[in-house]
Amino acid sequence: MVSRQPVDNILTEHASVRQLVNSVGNVMDDLDALSRLQTERFDLSQTSVQSLAEKQRSLAEVVESLWSKLKLHFAYEEEHLPDVLGPVLSKALMVEHGEIAKEFDHVRIVLDESDFSKVPQPEILEMKANLQTAIGHLCQMIEEHARDEDVLVKLVKKATKGPV
């Protein structure tokens, strides 16, 4: 019989990952609000640019924290889900893990290129938009993946309870 503990752990970890995804979104919202305020005033002072750069660094830190958590989570799933879901579904989830890893690489590149302190004011809006797009896509991928896994895991839980 299939052990339900790994399945329960996966659902619990998904809640933790969702909190980190929300943290990424919150920092991105802070950066967006700060850049909107600065562009509406049409005068980016050195202090304003430094604030944007600090928000960018905060965003990079929370993205790395999310990636660290996800790597551990993916390793756990890749160890325990093949016994629960079988080889075909497990392979599909692992492919998605790889796609999410590639998206993290893309986000890191965009973050590295988003040096607000070294670009003229008109480019800040474009830089912020690129960053928003990359972060939004990453968060969407993670959320969709977790939602799909949640469905599979809940079905496994139902199946392991036996006849009602």
N, C-alpha and C. Protein backbone atom coordinates (compact mmCIF):
# COMPACT_ATOMS: atom_id res chain seq x y z
N MET A 1 0.84 -1.19 0.00
CA MET A 1 0.00 0.00 0.00
C MET A 1 0.89 1.26 0.00
N VAL A 2 0.44 2.28 -0.65
CA VAL A 2 1.17 3.53 -0.78
C VAL A 2 1.15 4.29 0.55
N SER A 3 2.32 4.78 0.95
CA SER A 3 2.39 5.60 2.15
C SER A 3 1.80 6.97 1.84
N ARG A 4 0.95 7.46 2.73
CA ARG A 4 0.33 8.76 2.50
C ARG A 4 1.19 9.90 3.01
N GLN A 5 2.18 9.63 3.83
CA GLN A 5 2.98 10.71 4.39
C GLN A 5 3.67 11.57 3.32
N PRO A 6 4.35 10.99 2.32
CA PRO A 6 4.95 11.86 1.31
C PRO A 6 3.92 12.73 0.60
N VAL A 7 2.75 12.20 0.37
CA VAL A 7 1.69 12.95 -0.30
C VAL A 7 1.27 14.12 0.58
N ASP A 8 1.10 13.88 1.86
CA ASP A 8 0.73 14.96 2.78
C ASP A 8 1.83 16.01 2.86
N ASN A 9 3.09 15.57 2.88
CA ASN A 9 4.21 16.50 2.92
C ASN A 9 4.24 17.39 1.68
N ILE A 10 3.93 16.82 0.54
CA ILE A 10 3.94 17.60 -0.70
C ILE A 10 2.88 18.69 -0.64
N LEU A 11 1.70 18.37 -0.16
CA LEU A 11 0.65 19.39 -0.04
C LEU A 11 1.07 20.50 0.93
N THR A 12 1.70 20.13 2.03
CA THR A 12 2.17 21.11 3.00
C THR A 12 3.25 22.00 2.39
N GLU A 13 4.17 21.38 1.66
CA GLU A 13 5.24 22.15 1.02
C GLU A 13 4.68 23.10 -0.03
N HIS A 14 3.64 22.70 -0.73
CA HIS A 14 3.03 23.59 -1.72
C HIS A 14 2.52 24.87 -1.06
N ALA A 15 1.97 24.74 0.13
CA ALA A 15 1.50 25.93 0.85
C ALA A 15 2.68 26.85 1.17
N SER A 16 3.79 26.26 1.57
CA SER A 16 4.99 27.05 1.88
C SER A 16 5.54 27.73 0.62
N VAL A 17 5.55 27.01 -0.50
CA VAL A 17 6.03 27.57 -1.77
C VAL A 17 5.12 28.71 -2.20
N ARG A 18 3.83 28.55 -2.02
CA ARG A 18 2.89 29.62 -2.39
C ARG A 18 3.15 30.90 -1.59
N GLN A 19 3.51 30.74 -0.32
CA GLN A 19 3.84 31.92 0.49
C GLN A 19 5.07 32.63 -0.08
N LEU A 20 6.06 31.87 -0.50
CA LEU A 20 7.25 32.48 -1.09
C LEU A 20 6.93 33.15 -2.43
N VAL A 21 6.07 32.52 -3.22
CA VAL A 21 5.65 33.13 -4.49
C VAL A 21 4.95 34.46 -4.20
N ASN A 22 4.12 34.49 -3.16
CA ASN A 22 3.46 35.75 -2.77
C ASN A 22 4.49 36.78 -2.34
N SER A 23 5.54 36.36 -1.66
CA SER A 23 6.60 37.29 -1.26
C SER A 23 7.28 37.90 -2.48
N VAL A 24 7.54 37.08 -3.48
CA VAL A 24 8.12 37.59 -4.73
C VAL A 24 7.19 38.64 -5.33
N GLY A 25 5.91 38.32 -5.38
CA GLY A 25 4.93 39.26 -5.92
C GLY A 25 4.87 40.55 -5.12
N ASN A 26 4.95 40.45 -3.80
CA ASN A 26 4.90 41.65 -2.95
C ASN A 26 6.11 42.55 -3.19
N VAL A 27 7.29 41.98 -3.30
CA VAL A 27 8.49 42.78 -3.56
C VAL A 27 8.40 43.41 -4.94
N MET A 28 7.89 42.65 -5.92
CA MET A 28 7.73 43.20 -7.27
C MET A 28 6.73 44.35 -7.25
N ASP A 29 5.67 44.21 -6.48
CA ASP A 29 4.69 45.30 -6.35
C ASP A 29 5.32 46.54 -5.73
N ASP A 30 6.18 46.35 -4.72
CA ASP A 30 6.88 47.48 -4.10
C ASP A 30 7.76 48.19 -5.13
N LEU A 31 8.48 47.41 -5.92
CA LEU A 31 9.35 47.99 -6.94
C LEU A 31 8.52 48.74 -7.98
N ASP A 32 7.40 48.17 -8.36
CA ASP A 32 6.52 48.80 -9.33
C ASP A 32 5.98 50.13 -8.80
N ALA A 33 5.52 50.11 -7.56
CA ALA A 33 4.97 51.34 -6.96
C ALA A 33 6.04 52.42 -6.86
N LEU A 34 7.23 52.05 -6.45
CA LEU A 34 8.32 53.01 -6.33
C LEU A 34 8.69 53.59 -7.69
N SER A 35 8.79 52.76 -8.70
CA SER A 35 9.17 53.27 -10.03
C SER A 35 8.07 54.14 -10.62
N ARG A 36 6.79 53.78 -10.37
CA ARG A 36 5.68 54.61 -10.86
C ARG A 36 5.72 55.98 -10.21
N LEU A 37 5.97 55.99 -8.91
CA LEU A 37 6.04 57.25 -8.19
C LEU A 37 7.16 58.12 -8.76
N GLN A 38 8.29 57.52 -9.02
CA GLN A 38 9.43 58.28 -9.53
C GLN A 38 9.16 58.80 -10.94
N THR A 39 8.56 57.99 -11.79
CA THR A 39 8.33 58.44 -13.17
C THR A 39 7.22 59.47 -13.24
N GLU A 40 6.26 59.40 -12.32
CA GLU A 40 5.20 60.41 -12.30
C GLU A 40 5.75 61.77 -11.90
N ARG A 41 6.78 61.76 -11.06
CA ARG A 41 7.38 63.02 -10.63
C ARG A 41 8.42 63.52 -11.64
N PHE A 42 8.82 62.67 -12.56
CA PHE A 42 9.76 63.01 -13.63
C PHE A 42 11.12 63.50 -13.12
N ASP A 43 11.47 63.11 -11.93
CA ASP A 43 12.80 63.48 -11.46
C ASP A 43 13.37 62.37 -10.59
N LEU A 44 14.20 61.58 -11.18
CA LEU A 44 14.83 60.52 -10.43
C LEU A 44 16.09 61.07 -9.79
N SER A 45 16.02 61.24 -8.51
CA SER A 45 17.20 61.69 -7.78
C SER A 45 18.10 60.48 -7.53
N GLN A 46 19.29 60.72 -7.05
CA GLN A 46 20.19 59.63 -6.73
C GLN A 46 19.57 58.73 -5.65
N THR A 47 18.87 59.33 -4.70
CA THR A 47 18.20 58.57 -3.65
C THR A 47 17.13 57.67 -4.24
N SER A 48 16.38 58.17 -5.21
CA SER A 48 15.33 57.38 -5.86
C SER A 48 15.93 56.19 -6.59
N VAL A 49 17.00 56.43 -7.30
CA VAL A 49 17.67 55.36 -8.04
C VAL A 49 18.21 54.32 -7.06
N GLN A 50 18.76 54.78 -5.95
CA GLN A 50 19.26 53.85 -4.94
C GLN A 50 18.12 53.02 -4.36
N SER A 51 16.97 53.63 -4.16
CA SER A 51 15.81 52.90 -3.64
C SER A 51 15.37 51.82 -4.62
N LEU A 52 15.34 52.17 -5.91
CA LEU A 52 14.99 51.17 -6.93
C LEU A 52 16.01 50.03 -6.93
N ALA A 53 17.29 50.38 -6.82
CA ALA A 53 18.34 49.37 -6.82
C ALA A 53 18.20 48.46 -5.60
N GLU A 54 17.83 49.03 -4.45
CA GLU A 54 17.63 48.23 -3.24
C GLU A 54 16.44 47.28 -3.41
N LYS A 55 15.37 47.76 -4.02
CA LYS A 55 14.21 46.90 -4.27
C LYS A 55 14.58 45.77 -5.23
N GLN A 56 15.40 46.09 -6.23
CA GLN A 56 15.85 45.07 -7.17
C GLN A 56 16.67 44.01 -6.44
N ARG A 57 17.54 44.43 -5.53
CA ARG A 57 18.34 43.48 -4.75
C ARG A 57 17.44 42.63 -3.85
N SER A 58 16.43 43.25 -3.25
CA SER A 58 15.48 42.50 -2.41
C SER A 58 14.74 41.47 -3.24
N LEU A 59 14.36 41.86 -4.44
CA LEU A 59 13.67 40.94 -5.34
C LEU A 59 14.58 39.77 -5.69
N ALA A 60 15.84 40.05 -5.99
CA ALA A 60 16.80 38.98 -6.31
C ALA A 60 16.95 38.02 -5.13
N GLU A 61 16.99 38.56 -3.92
CA GLU A 61 17.13 37.72 -2.73
C GLU A 61 15.92 36.81 -2.52
N VAL A 62 14.73 37.36 -2.68
CA VAL A 62 13.53 36.55 -2.46
C VAL A 62 13.36 35.53 -3.59
N VAL A 63 13.78 35.86 -4.80
CA VAL A 63 13.75 34.90 -5.90
C VAL A 63 14.71 33.74 -5.60
N GLU A 64 15.90 34.06 -5.10
CA GLU A 64 16.86 33.00 -4.75
C GLU A 64 16.35 32.14 -3.60
N SER A 65 15.68 32.76 -2.65
CA SER A 65 15.10 32.00 -1.54
C SER A 65 14.02 31.04 -2.06
N LEU A 66 13.20 31.52 -2.97
CA LEU A 66 12.17 30.68 -3.58
C LEU A 66 12.81 29.53 -4.34
N TRP A 67 13.86 29.81 -5.09
CA TRP A 67 14.53 28.77 -5.87
C TRP A 67 15.15 27.72 -4.94
N SER A 68 15.76 28.15 -3.86
CA SER A 68 16.35 27.21 -2.90
C SER A 68 15.28 26.27 -2.34
N LYS A 69 14.15 26.84 -1.96
CA LYS A 69 13.04 26.04 -1.44
C LYS A 69 12.51 25.09 -2.51
N LEU A 70 12.36 25.58 -3.73
CA LEU A 70 11.83 24.73 -4.79
C LEU A 70 12.77 23.59 -5.15
N LYS A 71 14.08 23.85 -5.14
CA LYS A 71 15.03 22.76 -5.45
C LYS A 71 14.87 21.61 -4.45
N LEU A 72 14.75 21.96 -3.18
CA LEU A 72 14.55 20.92 -2.16
C LEU A 72 13.21 20.21 -2.37
N HIS A 73 12.20 20.99 -2.67
CA HIS A 73 10.87 20.43 -2.90
C HIS A 73 10.87 19.51 -4.12
N PHE A 74 11.49 19.95 -5.19
CA PHE A 74 11.55 19.12 -6.40
C PHE A 74 12.30 17.82 -6.13
N ALA A 75 13.39 17.89 -5.39
CA ALA A 75 14.16 16.68 -5.07
C ALA A 75 13.29 15.71 -4.26
N TYR A 76 12.53 16.24 -3.32
CA TYR A 76 11.63 15.41 -2.51
C TYR A 76 10.58 14.73 -3.41
N GLU A 77 9.98 15.52 -4.28
CA GLU A 77 8.97 14.96 -5.18
C GLU A 77 9.57 13.91 -6.11
N GLU A 78 10.73 14.21 -6.64
CA GLU A 78 11.35 13.28 -7.59
C GLU A 78 11.77 11.98 -6.92
N GLU A 79 11.96 12.02 -5.60
CA GLU A 79 12.28 10.81 -4.85
C GLU A 79 11.01 10.02 -4.54
N HIS A 80 9.94 10.71 -4.15
CA HIS A 80 8.76 10.02 -3.63
C HIS A 80 7.61 9.83 -4.63
N LEU A 81 7.47 10.72 -5.59
CA LEU A 81 6.30 10.62 -6.48
C LEU A 81 6.34 9.46 -7.48
N PRO A 82 7.50 9.01 -7.96
CA PRO A 82 7.44 7.88 -8.89
C PRO A 82 6.73 6.65 -8.31
N ASP A 83 6.91 6.37 -7.03
CA ASP A 83 6.22 5.24 -6.42
C ASP A 83 4.72 5.48 -6.32
N VAL A 84 4.32 6.73 -6.22
CA VAL A 84 2.92 7.08 -6.03
C VAL A 84 2.20 7.26 -7.37
N LEU A 85 2.85 7.95 -8.31
CA LEU A 85 2.20 8.32 -9.57
C LEU A 85 2.57 7.43 -10.75
N GLY A 86 3.62 6.69 -10.61
CA GLY A 86 4.09 5.87 -11.73
C GLY A 86 5.05 6.65 -12.61
N PRO A 87 5.69 5.96 -13.53
CA PRO A 87 6.76 6.58 -14.31
C PRO A 87 6.31 7.67 -15.29
N VAL A 88 5.16 7.51 -15.90
CA VAL A 88 4.74 8.47 -16.93
C VAL A 88 4.39 9.84 -16.30
N LEU A 89 3.55 9.84 -15.31
CA LEU A 89 3.18 11.11 -14.67
C LEU A 89 4.38 11.73 -13.95
N SER A 90 5.19 10.89 -13.34
CA SER A 90 6.39 11.42 -12.67
C SER A 90 7.32 12.08 -13.67
N LYS A 91 7.49 11.47 -14.83
CA LYS A 91 8.35 12.04 -15.87
C LYS A 91 7.79 13.39 -16.32
N ALA A 92 6.48 13.48 -16.49
CA ALA A 92 5.86 14.75 -16.90
C ALA A 92 6.12 15.84 -15.86
N LEU A 93 6.00 15.51 -14.59
CA LEU A 93 6.26 16.49 -13.54
C LEU A 93 7.73 16.90 -13.52
N MET A 94 8.62 15.96 -13.77
CA MET A 94 10.05 16.28 -13.80
C MET A 94 10.40 17.18 -14.98
N VAL A 95 9.71 16.97 -16.09
CA VAL A 95 9.90 17.86 -17.24
C VAL A 95 9.50 19.28 -16.84
N GLU A 96 8.37 19.40 -16.15
CA GLU A 96 7.95 20.73 -15.68
C GLU A 96 8.95 21.32 -14.69
N HIS A 97 9.52 20.50 -13.84
CA HIS A 97 10.56 20.98 -12.92
C HIS A 97 11.71 21.60 -13.72
N GLY A 98 12.10 20.93 -14.80
CA GLY A 98 13.17 21.46 -15.66
C GLY A 98 12.78 22.78 -16.32
N GLU A 99 11.53 22.88 -16.76
CA GLU A 99 11.06 24.12 -17.37
C GLU A 99 11.05 25.27 -16.36
N ILE A 100 10.66 24.97 -15.15
CA ILE A 100 10.66 26.00 -14.10
C ILE A 100 12.10 26.42 -13.79
N ALA A 101 13.01 25.45 -13.74
CA ALA A 101 14.43 25.77 -13.50
C ALA A 101 14.97 26.70 -14.60
N LYS A 102 14.60 26.44 -15.84
CA LYS A 102 15.03 27.30 -16.95
C LYS A 102 14.44 28.71 -16.80
N GLU A 103 13.21 28.78 -16.33
CA GLU A 103 12.59 30.09 -16.14
C GLU A 103 13.28 30.87 -15.02
N PHE A 104 13.72 30.17 -13.98
CA PHE A 104 14.52 30.83 -12.94
C PHE A 104 15.81 31.39 -13.54
N ASP A 105 16.45 30.63 -14.42
CA ASP A 105 17.66 31.13 -15.08
C ASP A 105 17.35 32.40 -15.85
N HIS A 106 16.22 32.41 -16.56
CA HIS A 106 15.82 33.60 -17.33
C HIS A 106 15.59 34.79 -16.40
N VAL A 107 14.89 34.54 -15.29
CA VAL A 107 14.62 35.62 -14.33
C VAL A 107 15.93 36.18 -13.77
N ARG A 108 16.88 35.30 -13.47
CA ARG A 108 18.18 35.77 -12.97
C ARG A 108 18.86 36.67 -13.99
N ILE A 109 18.78 36.32 -15.25
CA ILE A 109 19.39 37.15 -16.30
C ILE A 109 18.71 38.52 -16.33
N VAL A 110 17.39 38.52 -16.31
CA VAL A 110 16.65 39.79 -16.33
C VAL A 110 16.99 40.62 -15.09
N LEU A 111 17.07 39.96 -13.94
CA LEU A 111 17.44 40.68 -12.71
C LEU A 111 18.84 41.27 -12.83
N ASP A 112 19.77 40.49 -13.35
CA ASP A 112 21.15 40.99 -13.51
C ASP A 112 21.20 42.18 -14.47
N GLU A 113 20.36 42.16 -15.49
CA GLU A 113 20.33 43.24 -16.46
C GLU A 113 19.56 44.46 -15.95
N SER A 114 18.86 44.31 -14.85
CA SER A 114 18.02 45.39 -14.32
C SER A 114 18.80 46.21 -13.29
N ASP A 115 19.81 46.88 -13.76
CA ASP A 115 20.60 47.73 -12.88
C ASP A 115 20.10 49.16 -13.04
N PHE A 116 19.15 49.52 -12.20
CA PHE A 116 18.49 50.81 -12.31
C PHE A 116 19.44 51.98 -12.12
N SER A 117 20.55 51.73 -11.46
CA SER A 117 21.48 52.83 -11.18
C SER A 117 22.33 53.20 -12.39
N LYS A 118 22.28 52.39 -13.46
CA LYS A 118 23.18 52.63 -14.59
C LYS A 118 22.48 52.97 -15.89
N VAL A 119 21.18 53.24 -15.83
CA VAL A 119 20.45 53.52 -17.08
C VAL A 119 19.74 54.86 -16.97
N PRO A 120 19.52 55.49 -18.11
CA PRO A 120 18.75 56.74 -18.10
C PRO A 120 17.29 56.46 -17.72
N GLN A 121 16.64 57.49 -17.24
CA GLN A 121 15.27 57.36 -16.75
C GLN A 121 14.31 56.70 -17.74
N PRO A 122 14.32 57.02 -19.03
CA PRO A 122 13.35 56.37 -19.93
C PRO A 122 13.53 54.85 -20.00
N GLU A 123 14.73 54.37 -19.80
CA GLU A 123 14.97 52.93 -19.87
C GLU A 123 14.51 52.20 -18.61
N ILE A 124 14.32 52.93 -17.53
CA ILE A 124 13.88 52.31 -16.28
C ILE A 124 12.51 51.67 -16.46
N LEU A 125 11.61 52.35 -17.17
CA LEU A 125 10.27 51.79 -17.39
C LEU A 125 10.34 50.49 -18.19
N GLU A 126 11.16 50.47 -19.21
CA GLU A 126 11.30 49.26 -20.02
C GLU A 126 11.92 48.14 -19.19
N MET A 127 12.92 48.48 -18.41
CA MET A 127 13.58 47.51 -17.55
C MET A 127 12.59 46.91 -16.55
N LYS A 128 11.79 47.78 -15.95
CA LYS A 128 10.80 47.33 -14.98
C LYS A 128 9.75 46.44 -15.65
N ALA A 129 9.33 46.80 -16.84
CA ALA A 129 8.35 45.99 -17.57
C ALA A 129 8.91 44.61 -17.89
N ASN A 130 10.16 44.55 -18.31
CA ASN A 130 10.80 43.26 -18.59
C ASN A 130 10.86 42.40 -17.34
N LEU A 131 11.19 43.04 -16.23
CA LEU A 131 11.28 42.33 -14.96
C LEU A 131 9.90 41.83 -14.53
N GLN A 132 8.89 42.68 -14.66
CA GLN A 132 7.52 42.27 -14.31
C GLN A 132 7.06 41.09 -15.15
N THR A 133 7.35 41.12 -16.43
CA THR A 133 6.95 40.03 -17.32
C THR A 133 7.62 38.73 -16.91
N ALA A 134 8.92 38.78 -16.67
CA ALA A 134 9.67 37.58 -16.30
C ALA A 134 9.18 37.02 -14.96
N ILE A 135 9.02 37.89 -13.97
CA ILE A 135 8.56 37.45 -12.64
C ILE A 135 7.14 36.91 -12.73
N GLY A 136 6.29 37.60 -13.47
CA GLY A 136 4.91 37.15 -13.62
C GLY A 136 4.82 35.77 -14.26
N HIS A 137 5.62 35.55 -15.29
CA HIS A 137 5.60 34.25 -15.97
C HIS A 137 6.11 33.16 -15.03
N LEU A 138 7.18 33.42 -14.31
CA LEU A 138 7.73 32.45 -13.36
C LEU A 138 6.69 32.09 -12.30
N CYS A 139 6.08 33.08 -11.69
CA CYS A 139 5.09 32.83 -10.65
C CYS A 139 3.89 32.05 -11.19
N GLN A 140 3.48 32.37 -12.40
CA GLN A 140 2.37 31.65 -13.02
C GLN A 140 2.74 30.19 -13.26
N MET A 141 3.95 29.95 -13.75
CA MET A 141 4.40 28.57 -13.98
C MET A 141 4.40 27.76 -12.69
N ILE A 142 4.93 28.36 -11.63
CA ILE A 142 5.00 27.67 -10.35
C ILE A 142 3.61 27.37 -9.82
N GLU A 143 2.73 28.35 -9.89
CA GLU A 143 1.38 28.18 -9.38
C GLU A 143 0.62 27.11 -10.17
N GLU A 144 0.73 27.13 -11.49
CA GLU A 144 0.04 26.12 -12.31
C GLU A 144 0.58 24.73 -12.03
N HIS A 145 1.89 24.62 -11.88
CA HIS A 145 2.51 23.33 -11.59
C HIS A 145 2.03 22.80 -10.24
N ALA A 146 2.03 23.66 -9.22
CA ALA A 146 1.58 23.24 -7.90
C ALA A 146 0.11 22.84 -7.92
N ARG A 147 -0.69 23.60 -8.66
CA ARG A 147 -2.12 23.28 -8.75
C ARG A 147 -2.33 21.90 -9.39
N ASP A 148 -1.60 21.63 -10.47
CA ASP A 148 -1.72 20.33 -11.13
C ASP A 148 -1.28 19.20 -10.21
N GLU A 149 -0.17 19.40 -9.50
CA GLU A 149 0.30 18.39 -8.55
C GLU A 149 -0.71 18.19 -7.43
N ASP A 150 -1.30 19.27 -6.96
CA ASP A 150 -2.30 19.16 -5.89
C ASP A 150 -3.45 18.25 -6.32
N VAL A 151 -3.89 18.40 -7.56
CA VAL A 151 -4.98 17.56 -8.06
C VAL A 151 -4.56 16.10 -8.04
N LEU A 152 -3.37 15.82 -8.55
CA LEU A 152 -2.89 14.43 -8.58
C LEU A 152 -2.74 13.86 -7.18
N VAL A 153 -2.17 14.65 -6.30
CA VAL A 153 -1.93 14.19 -4.93
C VAL A 153 -3.25 13.95 -4.20
N LYS A 154 -4.22 14.80 -4.41
CA LYS A 154 -5.52 14.60 -3.77
C LYS A 154 -6.22 13.35 -4.30
N LEU A 155 -6.05 13.07 -5.58
CA LEU A 155 -6.61 11.83 -6.13
C LEU A 155 -5.93 10.61 -5.51
N VAL A 156 -4.63 10.68 -5.33
CA VAL A 156 -3.90 9.58 -4.69
C VAL A 156 -4.40 9.40 -3.27
N LYS A 157 -4.61 10.47 -2.56
CA LYS A 157 -5.12 10.37 -1.18
C LYS A 157 -6.48 9.69 -1.16
N LYS A 158 -7.36 10.04 -2.10
CA LYS A 158 -8.67 9.40 -2.18
C LYS A 158 -8.52 7.91 -2.44
N ALA A 159 -7.65 7.57 -3.36
CA ALA A 159 -7.47 6.17 -3.74
C ALA A 159 -6.90 5.35 -2.60
N THR A 160 -6.05 5.93 -1.78
CA THR A 160 -5.43 5.17 -0.70
C THR A 160 -6.34 5.02 0.52
N LYS A 161 -7.40 5.77 0.58
CA LYS A 161 -8.34 5.64 1.70
C LYS A 161 -9.18 4.37 1.56
N GLY A 162 -9.28 3.85 0.35
CA GLY A 162 -10.07 2.64 0.14
C GLY A 162 -11.53 2.96 -0.07
N PRO A 163 -12.36 1.94 -0.18
CA PRO A 163 -13.80 2.15 -0.42
C PRO A 163 -14.45 2.92 0.73
N VAL A 164 -15.37 3.75 0.35
CA VAL A 164 -16.07 4.56 1.34
C VAL A 164 -17.29 3.85 1.87
